[in-house]
Amino acid sequence: MLLLQHYGLHKSSVASFTFYMTLSNVNFLRHLFVMDKPGSDSEPSPLTWPAGLHEAGKLPLFARTSPGLPNGRPVLVLLHGFPQTHAIWMRAAAQLAQHFWLVMPDLRGYGDSPPAPDTADHAGYSKRAMAADIIGLLDGLGVGQFYLCGHDRGGRVAHRLALDHPQRVRRLCLIDIAPTLDMYARTDMAFARAYEHWFHLIQPAPLPERMIGGCALEYLHAKLGGWGGNGLGHIEPWALAEYERCFTPAHIHAMCEDYRASAEIDLEHDRASRAADQRIGCDTLVVWGSRGVVHRFFDPPALWQAQCSGQVEPLLLDAGHYLPEECPGVVAEALVRFMTD
């Protein structure tokens, strides 16, 4: 209980925190014996790398890192999105680890990271709060400046982090997103049909949670195989098992809160940043899939260049939404080239 109080969790979160703590330990041990592992025969699989809960400010975060210490190597932080965990990066991690010391956290409420307490304004899931988690995690790891890449929700966290902590981010990569404010402002019937979850998950609790929970695996599989994808073939069996394990009622509620924050408090923060002419200061690589929803309805390079004072480099790939799993080698190669140029 002292540990829970130290992290500022409400009593209602005790059970969830204990649940996450237990799963973290079991999950790590289970990974040690996974047969279908990414990586080469000559190097340890990323699934055997150190993983566990780290202090990250108000809440701890579960994160997997490269073995050992950075020892002068550049640090690359990889952020996942909905409805996944850091496991999305495992197929690219071995290749990236040849050039970077990697930090791959589960965002708060996702995977094995404990959830934030509920508040009326959803501030616990604001991208500002989630970005502060990442900064707290890196402070605890002794990391100063770093390279940053985010996919989906992780890209939105990365966007806010680059605005709130510009001195920490050397270069940025955003994968298959356009700015949140622009996406909501340009919503029409066609986009609402294609991205219905943007408007379903933001409805008041607990209705979306109960609706999704009534067919949780069917819903999860539909999202993982959709948005330009061709079913679940791009997902390793062990990764799919992880996503299924981390789609409990507690996770589903946290994910809904993440989207509720994006439709309310995050828009307030984004409007304030634009009013102050606050832009991403570093050079930014924008990667998106030609079969995805974002490509169909938006112009990611133009929209991101309008929000960046640095140079935006576009990279359109023949893929759907889940590029780090659909084409991990191409994504890893692009990150290495852009981040080390």
Protein backbone atom coordinates (compact mmCIF):
# COMPACT_ATOMS: atom_id res chain seq x y z
CA MET A 1 0.00 0.00 0.00
CA LEU A 2 2.89 2.37 0.69
CA LEU A 3 4.14 1.87 -2.84
CA LEU A 4 0.67 2.59 -4.19
CA GLN A 5 0.43 5.74 -2.11
CA HIS A 6 3.90 6.78 -3.24
CA TYR A 7 2.69 6.70 -6.83
CA GLY A 8 -0.42 8.67 -5.91
CA LEU A 9 -2.90 5.99 -6.98
CA HIS A 10 -6.45 6.15 -5.66
CA LYS A 11 -7.66 3.21 -3.61
CA SER A 12 -9.85 2.22 -6.55
CA SER A 13 -6.68 1.70 -8.57
CA VAL A 14 -5.03 -0.66 -6.09
CA ALA A 15 -6.48 -3.81 -7.64
CA SER A 16 -5.55 -2.70 -11.15
CA PHE A 17 -2.01 -1.79 -10.06
CA THR A 18 -1.53 -5.15 -8.37
CA PHE A 19 -2.88 -6.82 -11.52
CA TYR A 20 -0.37 -4.98 -13.69
CA MET A 21 2.52 -5.70 -11.31
CA THR A 22 1.75 -9.44 -11.35
CA LEU A 23 1.40 -9.54 -15.12
CA SER A 24 4.68 -7.70 -15.59
CA ASN A 25 6.62 -10.38 -13.78
CA VAL A 26 4.76 -13.28 -15.40
CA ASN A 27 4.99 -11.66 -18.80
CA PHE A 28 8.77 -11.22 -18.61
CA LEU A 29 9.33 -14.82 -17.52
CA ARG A 30 7.04 -16.09 -20.25
CA HIS A 31 8.92 -14.07 -22.88
CA LEU A 32 12.16 -15.82 -21.94
CA PHE A 33 10.76 -19.06 -23.29
CA VAL A 34 8.90 -17.81 -26.36
CA MET A 35 9.95 -19.90 -29.34
CA ASP A 36 8.87 -17.53 -32.14
CA LYS A 37 11.15 -14.64 -31.31
CA PRO A 38 12.32 -11.72 -33.39
CA GLY A 39 16.04 -11.21 -33.76
CA SER A 40 19.01 -13.10 -35.13
CA ASP A 41 20.53 -16.35 -33.91
CA SER A 42 23.73 -14.55 -32.93
CA GLU A 43 22.16 -11.91 -30.67
CA PRO A 44 19.66 -12.11 -27.80
CA SER A 45 16.05 -11.66 -28.85
CA PRO A 46 14.57 -8.26 -27.90
CA LEU A 47 12.00 -10.26 -25.94
CA THR A 48 14.75 -11.24 -23.49
CA TRP A 49 15.86 -7.66 -22.93
CA PRO A 50 15.34 -6.06 -19.50
CA ALA A 51 11.70 -5.19 -18.86
CA GLY A 52 9.75 -4.01 -15.83
CA LEU A 53 8.15 -1.10 -14.04
CA HIS A 54 10.11 2.15 -13.80
CA GLU A 55 9.38 5.28 -11.82
CA ALA A 56 8.11 7.93 -14.22
CA GLY A 57 6.66 10.70 -12.09
CA LYS A 58 3.12 10.35 -10.81
CA LEU A 59 2.73 6.84 -12.20
CA PRO A 60 5.22 4.10 -13.01
CA LEU A 61 5.62 2.87 -16.57
CA PHE A 62 6.40 -0.59 -17.82
CA ALA A 63 9.23 -0.42 -20.32
CA ARG A 64 11.63 -2.68 -22.17
CA THR A 65 15.12 -1.37 -22.90
CA SER A 66 18.23 -2.51 -24.70
CA PRO A 67 20.57 -4.50 -22.44
CA GLY A 68 23.15 -2.65 -20.39
CA LEU A 69 23.58 1.12 -20.44
CA PRO A 70 23.66 3.54 -23.38
CA ASN A 71 27.42 4.12 -22.94
CA GLY A 72 27.43 6.95 -25.44
CA ARG A 73 25.08 5.31 -27.93
CA PRO A 74 22.20 7.49 -29.19
CA VAL A 75 18.90 6.73 -27.46
CA LEU A 76 15.77 6.05 -29.50
CA VAL A 77 12.38 6.03 -27.77
CA LEU A 78 9.62 4.05 -29.52
CA LEU A 79 5.97 4.68 -28.60
CA HIS A 80 3.10 2.37 -29.57
CA GLY A 81 -0.55 3.12 -30.24
CA PHE A 82 -4.08 1.71 -29.96
CA PRO A 83 -4.95 -1.07 -29.25
CA GLN A 84 -1.43 -2.37 -28.75
CA THR A 85 1.63 -2.39 -26.50
CA HIS A 86 5.34 -1.91 -27.05
CA ALA A 87 5.26 -5.36 -28.69
CA ILE A 88 4.54 -3.66 -32.03
CA TRP A 89 8.22 -2.62 -32.13
CA MET A 90 9.72 -6.06 -31.55
CA ARG A 91 10.04 -6.97 -35.23
CA ALA A 92 12.12 -3.84 -35.88
CA ALA A 93 13.96 -3.71 -32.56
CA ALA A 94 16.84 -6.07 -33.38
CA GLN A 95 17.76 -4.05 -36.46
CA LEU A 96 17.41 -0.72 -34.67
CA ALA A 97 19.47 -1.94 -31.70
CA GLN A 98 22.53 -2.11 -33.94
CA HIS A 99 22.45 1.71 -34.03
CA PHE A 100 20.55 2.86 -30.91
CA TRP A 101 19.96 2.12 -27.25
CA LEU A 102 16.20 1.52 -27.31
CA VAL A 103 13.50 2.47 -24.80
CA MET A 104 10.08 0.95 -25.49
CA PRO A 105 7.44 1.76 -22.87
CA ASP A 106 3.80 0.82 -22.58
CA LEU A 107 1.79 4.06 -22.43
CA ARG A 108 -0.13 4.60 -19.21
CA GLY A 109 -3.12 2.28 -19.02
CA TYR A 110 -1.85 0.16 -21.90
CA GLY A 111 0.01 -3.14 -21.67
CA ASP A 112 1.58 -3.54 -18.25
CA SER A 113 1.64 0.16 -17.32
CA PRO A 114 -0.92 0.97 -14.61
CA PRO A 115 -3.87 3.24 -15.36
CA ALA A 116 -4.34 6.83 -14.29
CA PRO A 117 -7.09 7.76 -11.83
CA ASP A 118 -10.31 8.86 -13.51
CA THR A 119 -11.07 12.59 -13.58
CA ALA A 120 -13.93 14.53 -15.13
CA ASP A 121 -11.63 16.29 -17.60
CA HIS A 122 -9.68 13.11 -18.51
CA ALA A 123 -6.45 14.97 -17.69
CA GLY A 124 -4.75 11.77 -16.60
CA TYR A 125 -4.79 10.65 -20.22
CA SER A 126 -3.94 13.96 -21.81
CA LYS A 127 -1.03 13.71 -24.17
CA ARG A 128 0.72 16.28 -21.97
CA ALA A 129 0.49 13.94 -18.98
CA MET A 130 1.54 10.94 -21.05
CA ALA A 131 4.47 12.88 -22.49
CA ALA A 132 5.50 13.80 -18.95
CA ASP A 133 5.51 10.06 -18.15
CA ILE A 134 8.07 9.51 -20.91
CA ILE A 135 10.24 12.37 -19.66
CA GLY A 136 10.07 10.97 -16.12
CA LEU A 137 11.00 7.51 -17.37
CA LEU A 138 14.00 8.85 -19.28
CA ASP A 139 15.11 11.01 -16.36
CA GLY A 140 15.14 7.89 -14.22
CA LEU A 141 17.21 6.09 -16.84
CA GLY A 142 19.70 8.95 -16.92
CA VAL A 143 18.87 9.89 -20.51
CA GLY A 144 19.14 13.53 -21.59
CA GLN A 145 18.52 14.11 -25.27
CA PHE A 146 17.01 11.36 -27.38
CA TYR A 147 15.46 10.48 -30.73
CA LEU A 148 11.72 9.88 -30.66
CA CYS A 149 9.31 7.89 -32.79
CA GLY A 150 5.60 7.34 -32.21
CA HIS A 151 2.96 5.34 -34.04
CA ASP A 152 -0.76 6.10 -33.78
CA ARG A 153 -1.52 7.26 -30.18
CA GLY A 154 2.18 7.16 -29.48
CA GLY A 155 2.65 9.66 -32.29
CA ARG A 156 0.24 12.03 -30.57
CA VAL A 157 2.17 11.67 -27.32
CA ALA A 158 5.38 12.28 -29.26
CA HIS A 159 3.90 15.41 -30.86
CA ARG A 160 3.02 16.90 -27.46
CA LEU A 161 6.37 15.84 -25.99
CA ALA A 162 8.24 17.63 -28.78
CA LEU A 163 6.24 20.79 -28.05
CA ASP A 164 6.50 20.69 -24.26
CA HIS A 165 10.11 19.46 -24.05
CA PRO A 166 11.80 20.67 -27.25
CA GLN A 167 15.29 20.67 -25.72
CA ARG A 168 15.11 16.90 -25.20
CA VAL A 169 14.15 15.72 -28.70
CA ARG A 170 16.93 15.55 -31.30
CA ARG A 171 14.77 14.31 -34.17
CA LEU A 172 11.19 13.08 -34.41
CA CYS A 173 9.32 10.48 -36.43
CA LEU A 174 5.52 10.32 -36.62
CA ILE A 175 3.89 7.23 -38.14
CA ASP A 176 0.47 7.20 -39.82
CA ILE A 177 -1.11 10.20 -38.14
CA ALA A 178 -2.04 13.76 -38.99
CA PRO A 179 -2.37 16.43 -36.26
CA THR A 180 -5.29 15.68 -33.95
CA LEU A 181 -6.77 19.17 -34.23
CA ASP A 182 -6.74 19.04 -38.03
CA MET A 183 -8.29 15.60 -38.15
CA TYR A 184 -11.21 16.62 -35.97
CA ALA A 185 -11.62 19.96 -37.77
CA ARG A 186 -11.80 18.25 -41.18
CA THR A 187 -14.09 15.42 -40.17
CA ASP A 188 -16.85 14.56 -42.61
CA MET A 189 -19.21 11.61 -42.98
CA ALA A 190 -16.69 9.52 -44.91
CA PHE A 191 -13.93 9.95 -42.33
CA ALA A 192 -16.35 9.30 -39.45
CA ARG A 193 -17.34 6.01 -41.07
CA ALA A 194 -13.72 4.99 -41.64
CA TYR A 195 -12.55 5.97 -38.13
CA GLU A 196 -15.73 5.29 -36.17
CA HIS A 197 -13.71 4.43 -33.08
CA TRP A 198 -12.68 8.09 -32.79
CA PHE A 199 -16.30 8.95 -32.09
CA HIS A 200 -17.44 5.79 -30.33
CA LEU A 201 -14.70 5.64 -27.68
CA ILE A 202 -15.21 9.27 -26.64
CA GLN A 203 -18.81 8.70 -25.56
CA PRO A 204 -19.42 8.86 -21.79
CA ALA A 205 -18.39 5.86 -19.71
CA PRO A 206 -19.31 3.12 -19.27
CA LEU A 207 -21.35 2.52 -22.44
CA PRO A 208 -18.46 2.16 -24.94
CA GLU A 209 -16.53 0.00 -22.49
CA ARG A 210 -19.50 -2.34 -22.02
CA MET A 211 -20.25 -2.53 -25.73
CA ILE A 212 -16.64 -3.41 -26.58
CA GLY A 213 -16.35 -5.78 -23.63
CA GLY A 214 -19.31 -7.77 -24.91
CA CYS A 215 -17.23 -8.96 -27.89
CA ALA A 216 -13.73 -7.91 -26.87
CA LEU A 217 -11.63 -10.30 -28.97
CA GLU A 218 -13.77 -9.82 -32.06
CA TYR A 219 -13.47 -6.05 -31.67
CA LEU A 220 -9.71 -6.23 -31.05
CA HIS A 221 -9.09 -8.43 -34.08
CA ALA A 222 -11.21 -6.16 -36.29
CA LYS A 223 -9.12 -3.15 -35.32
CA LEU A 224 -5.79 -4.95 -35.63
CA GLY A 225 -6.71 -6.27 -39.07
CA GLY A 226 -8.36 -3.13 -40.39
CA TRP A 227 -7.42 0.37 -41.53
CA GLY A 228 -5.79 -0.80 -44.73
CA GLY A 229 -4.52 -4.08 -43.37
CA ASN A 230 -5.14 -7.54 -44.77
CA GLY A 231 -6.28 -9.35 -41.66
CA LEU A 232 -3.94 -10.43 -38.88
CA GLY A 233 -1.19 -11.97 -40.98
CA HIS A 234 1.30 -9.19 -40.21
CA ILE A 235 1.15 -9.91 -36.46
CA GLU A 236 3.41 -12.55 -34.93
CA PRO A 237 1.44 -15.15 -32.90
CA TRP A 238 3.18 -14.18 -29.65
CA ALA A 239 2.39 -10.48 -30.30
CA LEU A 240 -1.27 -11.21 -30.96
CA ALA A 241 -1.37 -13.12 -27.70
CA GLU A 242 0.06 -10.06 -25.96
CA TYR A 243 -2.56 -7.75 -27.45
CA GLU A 244 -5.29 -10.16 -26.42
CA ARG A 245 -3.89 -10.43 -22.89
CA CYS A 246 -3.80 -6.65 -22.62
CA PHE A 247 -7.39 -6.06 -23.71
CA THR A 248 -9.13 -6.53 -20.37
CA PRO A 249 -11.96 -4.31 -19.08
CA ALA A 250 -9.36 -2.17 -17.28
CA HIS A 251 -7.36 -1.72 -20.47
CA ILE A 252 -10.45 -0.96 -22.53
CA HIS A 253 -11.48 1.76 -20.09
CA ALA A 254 -8.00 3.31 -20.20
CA MET A 255 -8.07 3.30 -23.99
CA CYS A 256 -11.45 5.02 -24.00
CA GLU A 257 -10.10 7.63 -21.59
CA ASP A 258 -7.15 8.19 -23.93
CA TYR A 259 -9.56 9.01 -26.77
CA ARG A 260 -11.83 11.10 -24.53
CA ALA A 261 -8.81 13.19 -23.60
CA SER A 262 -7.93 13.67 -27.27
CA ALA A 263 -11.42 14.98 -28.02
CA GLU A 264 -11.40 17.44 -25.11
CA ILE A 265 -8.36 18.50 -23.09
CA ASP A 266 -5.85 17.66 -25.84
CA LEU A 267 -7.68 19.95 -28.24
CA GLU A 268 -7.48 22.74 -25.66
CA HIS A 269 -3.73 22.23 -25.38
CA ASP A 270 -3.32 22.09 -29.15
CA ARG A 271 -5.32 25.28 -29.70
CA ALA A 272 -3.25 27.06 -27.06
CA SER A 273 -0.02 25.91 -28.72
CA ARG A 274 -1.16 27.16 -32.11
CA ALA A 275 -2.31 30.46 -30.69
CA ALA A 276 1.19 30.90 -29.25
CA ASP A 277 2.73 29.83 -32.59
CA GLN A 278 4.43 26.93 -30.81
CA ARG A 279 5.79 24.44 -33.33
CA ILE A 280 7.91 21.32 -33.42
CA GLY A 281 11.46 22.60 -33.55
CA CYS A 282 13.38 19.55 -34.72
CA ASP A 283 13.44 17.91 -38.13
CA THR A 284 10.63 15.37 -38.48
CA LEU A 285 10.16 12.23 -40.53
CA VAL A 286 6.51 11.61 -41.43
CA VAL A 287 5.75 8.02 -42.44
CA TRP A 288 2.34 6.78 -43.51
CA GLY A 289 0.71 3.92 -45.41
CA SER A 290 -0.80 4.22 -48.88
CA ARG A 291 -3.64 1.85 -47.94
CA GLY A 292 -4.49 3.56 -44.66
CA VAL A 293 -7.28 5.90 -43.63
CA VAL A 294 -4.92 8.80 -42.97
CA HIS A 295 -3.68 8.72 -46.56
CA ARG A 296 -7.23 8.59 -47.91
CA PHE A 297 -8.45 11.69 -46.12
CA PHE A 298 -5.44 13.86 -45.25
CA ASP A 299 -2.12 15.22 -46.53
CA PRO A 300 0.23 14.30 -43.65
CA PRO A 301 3.41 16.07 -44.92
CA ALA A 302 1.63 19.37 -45.54
CA LEU A 303 -0.27 19.29 -42.28
CA TRP A 304 2.83 18.44 -40.26
CA GLN A 305 5.03 20.97 -42.05
CA ALA A 306 2.53 23.65 -40.97
CA GLN A 307 3.19 22.59 -37.37
CA CYS A 308 6.98 22.31 -37.65
CA SER A 309 9.67 24.96 -37.80
CA GLY A 310 12.14 22.23 -38.73
CA GLN A 311 12.17 20.34 -42.00
CA VAL A 312 9.56 17.63 -42.62
CA GLU A 313 10.65 14.62 -44.66
CA PRO A 314 7.79 12.51 -46.11
CA LEU A 315 7.88 8.75 -46.60
CA LEU A 316 4.84 7.00 -48.10
CA LEU A 317 4.98 3.19 -47.88
CA ASP A 318 2.88 0.48 -49.48
CA ALA A 319 1.17 -0.54 -46.27
CA GLY A 320 -1.86 -0.07 -44.09
CA HIS A 321 -1.87 1.43 -40.61
CA TYR A 322 0.44 -0.87 -38.63
CA LEU A 323 3.66 -0.10 -40.47
CA PRO A 324 6.14 -1.21 -37.76
CA GLU A 325 4.69 -4.73 -38.06
CA GLU A 326 3.68 -4.74 -41.73
CA CYS A 327 7.09 -3.59 -43.01
CA PRO A 328 9.47 -3.57 -40.00
CA GLY A 329 12.67 -3.70 -42.02
CA VAL A 330 11.73 -0.70 -44.16
CA VAL A 331 10.62 1.30 -41.12
CA ALA A 332 13.83 0.43 -39.23
CA GLU A 333 15.99 1.35 -42.23
CA ALA A 334 14.18 4.68 -42.59
CA LEU A 335 14.65 5.48 -38.90
CA VAL A 336 18.34 4.64 -38.99
CA ARG A 337 18.91 6.77 -42.07
CA PHE A 338 16.91 9.74 -40.79
CA MET A 339 18.09 9.69 -37.18
CA THR A 340 21.76 9.18 -37.97
CA ASP A 341 22.07 11.38 -41.07
